Amino acid sequence: MGKLAFDAVIFDMDGVITKTAITHAAAWKKMFDEYLQKHAYETGEPFKEFTQGDYLTYVDGKPRYKGVASFLESRNISIAFGDTSDEPGMETICGLGNRKNEAFNEVIARDGVEVYESTAQLLNDLQAAGIKLGVASSSKNCAPVLEAVDMLKIFGARVDGVVSAELGLHGKPEPDIFTTACEMLESVPAKAIVVEDAVSGVQAGAKGEFGLTLGIARENNEKELADNGADFVVTDLEELGGISGLNNLFLKNNK
C-alpha cells in the first residue's frame, strides 16, 4: 500500500472500541427510572419511563452531568446542579450523575468488558502502518475500561472525562476533545479521522472540520448520524475493507 492520505485516527470508546454503550444505556435507564418513579410519587404526575430514544437524543456521547441536565430539561424538571462530590442518588444533577456512574461500575464489575473485534483489528492494522492513534471519550471511566481489555497502551493520546475536567474542555457536541487529542498527536484535523457512534460525536467531528468523520450506526441510526455531520456511515468497521477502504473514503471526502 502506498502512502496514506491521513496521519491520525481518533476513536470514541463506548460503542466504537468497547461494547460499553449498551452498559451505559442500561445504567442511565436504571438511574432515571428510579428517579422518575420517585418524582412521580412526590408530584402526583404519571410515571413516564426513560426510553432508548431518550438515551440517544439527550444523553448518548455527552459528559455525564450534561446528559442528566439535558434529559431533565426535556421533562421540564428543574433541580440544583449541586457539586461533583454529591452522594450518588442525591437530588441534584451531580448526585444523579454519580448514581448513574455507580450503576455502570456495578455492571462492569459483574459482566466485564467486551471489545468490537473489527475495531481491534483496524487499530492493530493502523498501528502497524505507523498511523497515530487517539481516544476521545466523555467517559471518566475511559482509562480503567481500556486497561481492562489491555488496549490503553496503543493510544498516543487520551482525552476523556478526567482530562477534559482538568483542561476545562467543552464536551461534545463541541469539538474540543477531538481537536485536543489531535494536537497531542501532533496532527491537524484536516489530516485526521474521527470515528464515532453518537450524534453528539459526529456533530463534534464536523464542527472540528476533520478530514473525515466516520459514523458507526449501532442503533439503526444511520440517518441521524448522516444528518448530523457524519461524512460516511457504516454499521460496523468490517465494512470498510481495512485501511485501504478507510483511505479511499478519506480521499473521496477530500476531493
C-alpha atoms as a PDB file:
ATOM      1  CA  MET A   1       0.000   0.000   0.000  1.00  0.00           C
ATOM      2  CA  GLY A   2       1.252   3.489  -0.875  1.00  0.00           C
ATOM      3  CA  LYS A   3       1.397   6.438   1.485  1.00  0.00           C
ATOM      4  CA  LEU A   4      -1.885   7.039   3.305  1.00  0.00           C
ATOM      5  CA  ALA A   5      -3.696  10.368   2.879  1.00  0.00           C
ATOM      6  CA  PHE A   6      -4.286  10.737   6.642  1.00  0.00           C
ATOM      7  CA  ASP A   7      -1.841  10.503   9.561  1.00  0.00           C
ATOM      8  CA  ALA A   8      -4.074  10.171  12.643  1.00  0.00           C
ATOM      9  CA  VAL A   9      -7.318   8.464  13.678  1.00  0.00           C
ATOM     10  CA  ILE A  10      -9.181   9.411  16.852  1.00  0.00           C
ATOM     11  CA  PHE A  11     -11.709   6.918  18.182  1.00  0.00           C
ATOM     12  CA  ASP A  12     -14.568   7.360  20.606  1.00  0.00           C
ATOM     13  CA  MET A  13     -14.588   4.478  23.110  1.00  0.00           C
ATOM     14  CA  ASP A  14     -18.098   3.451  24.190  1.00  0.00           C
ATOM     15  CA  GLY A  15     -19.877   1.778  21.280  1.00  0.00           C
ATOM     16  CA  VAL A  16     -16.853   2.163  18.979  1.00  0.00           C
ATOM     17  CA  ILE A  17     -13.995   0.272  20.675  1.00  0.00           C
ATOM     18  CA  THR A  18     -15.819  -1.387  23.564  1.00  0.00           C
ATOM     19  CA  LYS A  19     -19.353  -2.742  23.833  1.00  0.00           C
ATOM     20  CA  THR A  20     -19.983  -0.458  26.780  1.00  0.00           C
ATOM     21  CA  ALA A  21     -22.555   1.839  25.125  1.00  0.00           C
ATOM     22  CA  ILE A  22     -25.152  -0.859  25.943  1.00  0.00           C
ATOM     23  CA  THR A  23     -23.919  -0.884  29.559  1.00  0.00           C
ATOM     24  CA  HIS A  24     -24.154   2.910  29.762  1.00  0.00           C
ATOM     25  CA  ALA A  25     -27.690   2.879  28.323  1.00  0.00           C
ATOM     26  CA  ALA A  26     -28.775   0.275  30.909  1.00  0.00           C
ATOM     27  CA  ALA A  27     -27.158   2.251  33.753  1.00  0.00           C
ATOM     28  CA  TRP A  28     -28.842   5.503  32.633  1.00  0.00           C
ATOM     29  CA  LYS A  29     -32.221   3.747  32.448  1.00  0.00           C
ATOM     30  CA  LYS A  30     -31.861   2.202  35.901  1.00  0.00           C
ATOM     31  CA  MET A  31     -30.934   5.539  37.479  1.00  0.00           C
ATOM     32  CA  PHE A  32     -33.514   7.687  35.661  1.00  0.00           C
ATOM     33  CA  ASP A  33     -36.426   5.251  36.074  1.00  0.00           C
ATOM     34  CA  GLU A  34     -35.760   5.094  39.826  1.00  0.00           C
ATOM     35  CA  TYR A  35     -35.643   8.899  39.989  1.00  0.00           C
ATOM     36  CA  LEU A  36     -38.697   9.398  37.746  1.00  0.00           C
ATOM     37  CA  GLN A  37     -40.764   6.964  39.841  1.00  0.00           C
ATOM     38  CA  LYS A  38     -39.837   8.912  42.982  1.00  0.00           C
ATOM     39  CA  HIS A  39     -40.591  12.217  41.217  1.00  0.00           C
ATOM     40  CA  ALA A  40     -43.992  10.908  40.006  1.00  0.00           C
ATOM     41  CA  TYR A  41     -44.901   9.748  43.524  1.00  0.00           C
ATOM     42  CA  GLU A  42     -43.943  13.100  45.066  1.00  0.00           C
ATOM     43  CA  THR A  43     -45.677  15.287  42.448  1.00  0.00           C
ATOM     44  CA  GLY A  44     -48.692  13.100  41.647  1.00  0.00           C
ATOM     45  CA  GLU A  45     -47.740  13.185  37.958  1.00  0.00           C
ATOM     46  CA  PRO A  46     -47.815   9.945  35.938  1.00  0.00           C
ATOM     47  CA  PHE A  47     -44.579   7.960  35.696  1.00  0.00           C
ATOM     48  CA  LYS A  48     -43.114   8.053  32.192  1.00  0.00           C
ATOM     49  CA  GLU A  49     -40.118   5.758  31.760  1.00  0.00           C
ATOM     50  CA  PHE A  50     -36.721   6.686  30.324  1.00  0.00           C
ATOM     51  CA  THR A  51     -36.548   5.216  26.820  1.00  0.00           C
ATOM     52  CA  GLN A  52     -33.821   4.249  24.340  1.00  0.00           C
ATOM     53  CA  GLY A  53     -34.957   7.283  22.306  1.00  0.00           C
ATOM     54  CA  ASP A  54     -34.316   9.499  25.341  1.00  0.00           C
ATOM     55  CA  TYR A  55     -30.852   7.975  25.700  1.00  0.00           C
ATOM     56  CA  LEU A  56     -29.909   8.602  22.068  1.00  0.00           C
ATOM     57  CA  THR A  57     -31.394  12.116  21.942  1.00  0.00           C
ATOM     58  CA  TYR A  58     -30.371  13.637  25.260  1.00  0.00           C
ATOM     59  CA  VAL A  59     -27.586  11.584  26.824  1.00  0.00           C
ATOM     60  CA  ASP A  60     -25.519   9.499  24.393  1.00  0.00           C
ATOM     61  CA  GLY A  61     -21.940  10.760  23.991  1.00  0.00           C
ATOM     62  CA  LYS A  62     -22.322  13.771  26.284  1.00  0.00           C
ATOM     63  CA  PRO A  63     -20.408  14.358  29.522  1.00  0.00           C
ATOM     64  CA  ARG A  64     -22.290  12.768  32.418  1.00  0.00           C
ATOM     65  CA  TYR A  65     -23.735  15.856  34.140  1.00  0.00           C
ATOM     66  CA  LYS A  66     -24.572  17.487  30.816  1.00  0.00           C
ATOM     67  CA  GLY A  67     -26.554  14.347  29.930  1.00  0.00           C
ATOM     68  CA  VAL A  68     -28.508  14.491  33.206  1.00  0.00           C
ATOM     69  CA  ALA A  69     -29.318  18.187  32.706  1.00  0.00           C
ATOM     70  CA  SER A  70     -30.290  17.705  29.054  1.00  0.00           C
ATOM     71  CA  PHE A  71     -32.742  14.879  29.792  1.00  0.00           C
ATOM     72  CA  LEU A  72     -34.328  16.542  32.846  1.00  0.00           C
ATOM     73  CA  GLU A  73     -34.829  19.708  30.805  1.00  0.00           C
ATOM     74  CA  SER A  74     -36.711  17.631  28.203  1.00  0.00           C
ATOM     75  CA  ARG A  75     -39.112  16.592  31.004  1.00  0.00           C
ATOM     76  CA  ASN A  76     -39.347  20.140  32.423  1.00  0.00           C
ATOM     77  CA  ILE A  77     -37.754  19.016  35.683  1.00  0.00           C
ATOM     78  CA  SER A  78     -35.546  21.627  37.334  1.00  0.00           C
ATOM     79  CA  ILE A  79     -33.162  20.667  40.170  1.00  0.00           C
ATOM     80  CA  ALA A  80     -29.950  22.194  41.531  1.00  0.00           C
ATOM     81  CA  PHE A  81     -26.651  21.366  39.812  1.00  0.00           C
ATOM     82  CA  GLY A  82     -25.039  20.514  43.142  1.00  0.00           C
ATOM     83  CA  ASP A  83     -21.390  19.548  43.405  1.00  0.00           C
ATOM     84  CA  THR A  84     -19.359  16.773  41.788  1.00  0.00           C
ATOM     85  CA  SER A  85     -18.748  15.350  45.288  1.00  0.00           C
ATOM     86  CA  ASP A  86     -22.511  14.850  45.907  1.00  0.00           C
ATOM     87  CA  GLU A  87     -23.509  11.419  47.193  1.00  0.00           C
ATOM     88  CA  PRO A  88     -24.856   9.080  44.471  1.00  0.00           C
ATOM     89  CA  GLY A  89     -28.621   9.497  44.138  1.00  0.00           C
ATOM     90  CA  MET A  90     -28.797  12.882  45.888  1.00  0.00           C
ATOM     91  CA  GLU A  91     -31.448  15.022  44.170  1.00  0.00           C
ATOM     92  CA  THR A  92     -29.014  17.207  42.239  1.00  0.00           C
ATOM     93  CA  ILE A  93     -27.662  16.971  38.687  1.00  0.00           C
ATOM     94  CA  CYS A  94     -24.348  15.721  40.113  1.00  0.00           C
ATOM     95  CA  GLY A  95     -25.957  13.323  42.575  1.00  0.00           C
ATOM     96  CA  LEU A  96     -27.974  11.641  39.812  1.00  0.00           C
ATOM     97  CA  GLY A  97     -24.930  11.558  37.523  1.00  0.00           C
ATOM     98  CA  ASN A  98     -22.881   9.938  40.288  1.00  0.00           C
ATOM     99  CA  ARG A  99     -25.602   7.331  40.861  1.00  0.00           C
ATOM    100  CA  LYS A 100     -25.520   6.507  37.135  1.00  0.00           C
ATOM    101  CA  ASN A 101     -21.756   6.032  37.322  1.00  0.00           C
ATOM    102  CA  GLU A 102     -22.146   3.738  40.320  1.00  0.00           C
ATOM    103  CA  ALA A 103     -24.677   1.626  38.372  1.00  0.00           C
ATOM    104  CA  PHE A 104     -22.307   1.500  35.377  1.00  0.00           C
ATOM    105  CA  ASN A 105     -19.400   0.275  37.505  1.00  0.00           C
ATOM    106  CA  GLU A 106     -21.626  -2.363  39.139  1.00  0.00           C
ATOM    107  CA  VAL A 107     -22.436  -3.816  35.701  1.00  0.00           C
ATOM    108  CA  ILE A 108     -18.782  -3.674  34.523  1.00  0.00           C
ATOM    109  CA  ALA A 109     -17.608  -5.427  37.711  1.00  0.00           C
ATOM    110  CA  ARG A 110     -20.238  -8.137  37.216  1.00  0.00           C
ATOM    111  CA  ASP A 111     -20.085  -8.665  33.437  1.00  0.00           C
ATOM    112  CA  GLY A 112     -16.637  -7.414  32.372  1.00  0.00           C
ATOM    113  CA  VAL A 113     -15.906  -5.552  29.122  1.00  0.00           C
ATOM    114  CA  GLU A 114     -16.149  -6.789  25.546  1.00  0.00           C
ATOM    115  CA  VAL A 115     -14.336  -5.291  22.533  1.00  0.00           C
ATOM    116  CA  TYR A 116     -15.608  -4.998  18.941  1.00  0.00           C
ATOM    117  CA  GLU A 117     -13.290  -7.360  17.078  1.00  0.00           C
ATOM    118  CA  SER A 118     -13.408  -5.323  13.855  1.00  0.00           C
ATOM    119  CA  THR A 119     -12.288  -2.207  15.739  1.00  0.00           C
ATOM    120  CA  ALA A 120      -9.464  -4.086  17.473  1.00  0.00           C
ATOM    121  CA  GLN A 121      -8.303  -5.393  14.079  1.00  0.00           C
ATOM    122  CA  LEU A 122      -8.378  -1.932  12.490  1.00  0.00           C
ATOM    123  CA  LEU A 123      -6.472  -0.445  15.446  1.00  0.00           C
ATOM    124  CA  ASN A 124      -3.769  -3.107  15.099  1.00  0.00           C
ATOM    125  CA  ASP A 125      -3.520  -2.507  11.342  1.00  0.00           C
ATOM    126  CA  LEU A 126      -3.337   1.277  11.763  1.00  0.00           C
ATOM    127  CA  GLN A 127      -0.670   0.936  14.438  1.00  0.00           C
ATOM    128  CA  ALA A 128       1.363  -1.370  12.161  1.00  0.00           C
ATOM    129  CA  ALA A 129       1.060   1.215   9.356  1.00  0.00           C
ATOM    130  CA  GLY A 130       2.502   3.946  11.601  1.00  0.00           C
ATOM    131  CA  ILE A 131      -0.746   5.916  11.935  1.00  0.00           C
ATOM    132  CA  LYS A 132      -1.081   7.964  15.148  1.00  0.00           C
ATOM    133  CA  LEU A 133      -3.941   6.763  17.355  1.00  0.00           C
ATOM    134  CA  GLY A 134      -6.028   8.731  19.838  1.00  0.00           C
ATOM    135  CA  VAL A 135      -9.057   8.026  22.007  1.00  0.00           C
ATOM    136  CA  ALA A 136     -11.505  10.825  22.834  1.00  0.00           C
ATOM    137  CA  SER A 137     -14.361   9.973  25.167  1.00  0.00           C
ATOM    138  CA  SER A 138     -16.727  11.795  27.501  1.00  0.00           C
ATOM    139  CA  SER A 139     -16.334   8.914  29.950  1.00  0.00           C
ATOM    140  CA  LYS A 140     -14.406   9.335  33.182  1.00  0.00           C
ATOM    141  CA  ASN A 141     -14.038   5.535  33.132  1.00  0.00           C
ATOM    142  CA  CYS A 142     -12.079   5.528  29.855  1.00  0.00           C
ATOM    143  CA  ALA A 143      -8.625   4.596  31.213  1.00  0.00           C
ATOM    144  CA  PRO A 144      -9.765   1.738  33.514  1.00  0.00           C
ATOM    145  CA  VAL A 145     -12.067   0.304  30.824  1.00  0.00           C
ATOM    146  CA  LEU A 146      -9.294   0.301  28.175  1.00  0.00           C
ATOM    147  CA  GLU A 147      -6.844  -1.043  30.760  1.00  0.00           C
ATOM    148  CA  ALA A 148      -9.251  -3.906  31.479  1.00  0.00           C
ATOM    149  CA  VAL A 149      -9.056  -5.016  27.822  1.00  0.00           C
ATOM    150  CA  ASP A 150      -5.295  -4.298  27.548  1.00  0.00           C
ATOM    151  CA  MET A 151      -5.736  -1.570  24.913  1.00  0.00           C
ATOM    152  CA  LEU A 152      -4.768   1.629  26.720  1.00  0.00           C
ATOM    153  CA  LYS A 153      -1.119   1.490  25.655  1.00  0.00           C
ATOM    154  CA  ILE A 154      -1.800   1.619  21.896  1.00  0.00           C
ATOM    155  CA  PHE A 155      -3.135   5.189  22.084  1.00  0.00           C
ATOM    156  CA  GLY A 156      -0.688   8.075  21.792  1.00  0.00           C
ATOM    157  CA  ALA A 157      -3.333  10.475  23.132  1.00  0.00           C
ATOM    158  CA  ARG A 158      -6.235  10.033  25.551  1.00  0.00           C
ATOM    159  CA  VAL A 159      -8.687  12.866  26.130  1.00  0.00           C
ATOM    160  CA  ASP A 160     -11.500  11.629  28.373  1.00  0.00           C
ATOM    161  CA  GLY A 161     -13.811  12.978  31.058  1.00  0.00           C
ATOM    162  CA  VAL A 162     -10.937  13.195  33.561  1.00  0.00           C
ATOM    163  CA  VAL A 163      -8.603  15.072  31.178  1.00  0.00           C
ATOM    164  CA  SER A 164     -11.485  17.303  29.975  1.00  0.00           C
ATOM    165  CA  ALA A 165     -12.201  18.388  33.557  1.00  0.00           C
ATOM    166  CA  GLU A 166      -8.502  19.105  34.183  1.00  0.00           C
ATOM    167  CA  LEU A 167      -8.171  21.180  30.996  1.00  0.00           C
ATOM    168  CA  GLY A 168     -11.605  22.820  31.186  1.00  0.00           C
ATOM    169  CA  LEU A 169     -12.696  21.470  27.787  1.00  0.00           C
ATOM    170  CA  HIS A 170     -16.237  21.679  26.439  1.00  0.00           C
ATOM    171  CA  GLY A 171     -17.900  18.302  25.914  1.00  0.00           C
ATOM    172  CA  LYS A 172     -19.483  17.010  22.713  1.00  0.00           C
ATOM    173  CA  PRO A 173     -21.097  18.300  20.519  1.00  0.00           C
ATOM    174  CA  GLU A 174     -18.240  20.831  20.767  1.00  0.00           C
ATOM    175  CA  PRO A 175     -15.068  19.524  19.074  1.00  0.00           C
ATOM    176  CA  ASP A 176     -12.645  20.242  21.960  1.00  0.00           C
ATOM    177  CA  ILE A 177     -11.824  16.658  22.960  1.00  0.00           C
ATOM    178  CA  PHE A 178     -11.088  15.637  19.366  1.00  0.00           C
ATOM    179  CA  THR A 179      -9.037  18.712  18.464  1.00  0.00           C
ATOM    180  CA  THR A 180      -7.071  18.403  21.733  1.00  0.00           C
ATOM    181  CA  ALA A 181      -6.298  14.729  21.003  1.00  0.00           C
ATOM    182  CA  CYS A 182      -5.253  15.779  17.505  1.00  0.00           C
ATOM    183  CA  GLU A 183      -2.834  18.376  18.928  1.00  0.00           C
ATOM    184  CA  MET A 184      -1.391  15.809  21.345  1.00  0.00           C
ATOM    185  CA  LEU A 185      -0.718  13.521  18.370  1.00  0.00           C
ATOM    186  CA  GLU A 186       0.965  16.438  16.560  1.00  0.00           C
ATOM    187  CA  SER A 187      -1.514  16.213  13.704  1.00  0.00           C
ATOM    188  CA  VAL A 188      -4.120  18.645  12.328  1.00  0.00           C
ATOM    189  CA  PRO A 189      -7.859  17.986  11.863  1.00  0.00           C
ATOM    190  CA  ALA A 190      -7.595  18.193   8.054  1.00  0.00           C
ATOM    191  CA  LYS A 191      -5.245  15.172   8.106  1.00  0.00           C
ATOM    192  CA  ALA A 192      -7.139  13.221  10.765  1.00  0.00           C
ATOM    193  CA  ILE A 193     -10.195  10.965  11.054  1.00  0.00           C
ATOM    194  CA  VAL A 194     -12.838  10.842  13.807  1.00  0.00           C
ATOM    195  CA  VAL A 195     -14.694   7.548  14.413  1.00  0.00           C
ATOM    196  CA  GLU A 196     -17.932   7.961  16.390  1.00  0.00           C
ATOM    197  CA  ASP A 197     -21.248   6.228  17.117  1.00  0.00           C
ATOM    198  CA  ALA A 198     -23.108   9.108  18.813  1.00  0.00           C
ATOM    199  CA  VAL A 199     -24.942  12.031  17.210  1.00  0.00           C
ATOM    200  CA  SER A 200     -23.156  14.448  19.573  1.00  0.00           C
ATOM    201  CA  GLY A 201     -19.849  12.874  18.488  1.00  0.00           C
ATOM    202  CA  VAL A 202     -20.334  13.248  14.731  1.00  0.00           C
ATOM    203  CA  GLN A 203     -21.519  16.822  15.360  1.00  0.00           C
ATOM    204  CA  ALA A 204     -18.196  17.406  17.158  1.00  0.00           C
ATOM    205  CA  GLY A 205     -16.202  15.872  14.291  1.00  0.00           C
ATOM    206  CA  ALA A 206     -17.991  18.062  11.765  1.00  0.00           C
ATOM    207  CA  LYS A 207     -17.528  21.223  13.874  1.00  0.00           C
ATOM    208  CA  GLY A 208     -13.820  20.428  14.241  1.00  0.00           C
ATOM    209  CA  GLU A 209     -13.551  20.224  10.424  1.00  0.00           C
ATOM    210  CA  PHE A 210     -11.835  16.836  10.431  1.00  0.00           C
ATOM    211  CA  GLY A 211     -10.771  15.329   7.118  1.00  0.00           C
ATOM    212  CA  LEU A 212     -13.272  12.522   7.692  1.00  0.00           C
ATOM    213  CA  THR A 213     -15.951  11.960  10.324  1.00  0.00           C
ATOM    214  CA  LEU A 214     -16.992   8.315  10.178  1.00  0.00           C
ATOM    215  CA  GLY A 215     -20.223   7.278  11.881  1.00  0.00           C
ATOM    216  CA  ILE A 216     -20.912   3.769  13.179  1.00  0.00           C
ATOM    217  CA  ALA A 217     -24.646   3.107  13.385  1.00  0.00           C
ATOM    218  CA  ARG A 218     -25.006   0.591  16.219  1.00  0.00           C
ATOM    219  CA  GLU A 219     -28.630   1.635  16.884  1.00  0.00           C
ATOM    220  CA  ASN A 220     -30.143   1.624  13.365  1.00  0.00           C
ATOM    221  CA  ASN A 221     -29.491   5.379  13.432  1.00  0.00           C
ATOM    222  CA  GLU A 222     -27.742   5.749  10.062  1.00  0.00           C
ATOM    223  CA  LYS A 223     -29.930   8.700   9.027  1.00  0.00           C
ATOM    224  CA  GLU A 224     -29.437  10.622  12.296  1.00  0.00           C
ATOM    225  CA  LEU A 225     -25.655  10.235  12.076  1.00  0.00           C
ATOM    226  CA  ALA A 226     -25.574  11.270   8.397  1.00  0.00           C
ATOM    227  CA  ASP A 227     -27.862  14.250   9.061  1.00  0.00           C
ATOM    228  CA  ASN A 228     -25.707  15.475  11.964  1.00  0.00           C
ATOM    229  CA  GLY A 229     -22.241  15.515  10.449  1.00  0.00           C
ATOM    230  CA  ALA A 230     -21.030  12.004   9.595  1.00  0.00           C
ATOM    231  CA  ASP A 231     -19.410  12.063   6.132  1.00  0.00           C
ATOM    232  CA  PHE A 232     -19.976   8.310   5.775  1.00  0.00           C
ATOM    233  CA  VAL A 233     -21.879   5.819   7.934  1.00  0.00           C
ATOM    234  CA  VAL A 234     -21.276   2.076   8.398  1.00  0.00           C
ATOM    235  CA  THR A 235     -22.916  -0.385  10.795  1.00  0.00           C
ATOM    236  CA  ASP A 236     -19.557  -1.971  11.667  1.00  0.00           C
ATOM    237  CA  LEU A 237     -15.934  -1.177  10.799  1.00  0.00           C
ATOM    238  CA  GLU A 238     -15.513  -4.505   8.995  1.00  0.00           C
ATOM    239  CA  GLU A 239     -17.494  -2.928   6.128  1.00  0.00           C
ATOM    240  CA  LEU A 240     -14.574  -0.593   5.387  1.00  0.00           C
ATOM    241  CA  GLY A 241     -12.340  -3.216   3.837  1.00  0.00           C
ATOM    242  CA  GLY A 242      -9.417  -2.387   6.120  1.00  0.00           C
ATOM    243  CA  ILE A 243      -7.053   0.574   5.940  1.00  0.00           C
ATOM    244  CA  SER A 244      -7.225   0.865   2.158  1.00  0.00           C
ATOM    245  CA  GLY A 245     -11.016   1.236   2.362  1.00  0.00           C
ATOM    246  CA  LEU A 246     -10.645   3.888   5.046  1.00  0.00           C
ATOM    247  CA  ASN A 247      -8.055   5.696   2.904  1.00  0.00           C
ATOM    248  CA  ASN A 248     -10.434   5.614  -0.085  1.00  0.00           C
ATOM    249  CA  LEU A 249     -13.208   7.205   1.979  1.00  0.00           C
ATOM    250  CA  PHE A 250     -10.792   9.894   3.192  1.00  0.00           C
ATOM    251  CA  LEU A 251      -9.704  10.671  -0.381  1.00  0.00           C
ATOM    252  CA  LYS A 252     -13.330  10.663  -1.608  1.00  0.00           C
ATOM    253  CA  ASN A 253     -14.255  13.128   1.128  1.00  0.00           C
ATOM    254  CA  ASN A 254     -11.350  15.460   0.329  1.00  0.00           C
ATOM    255  CA  LYS A 255     -11.554  15.776  -3.442  1.00  0.00           C
END
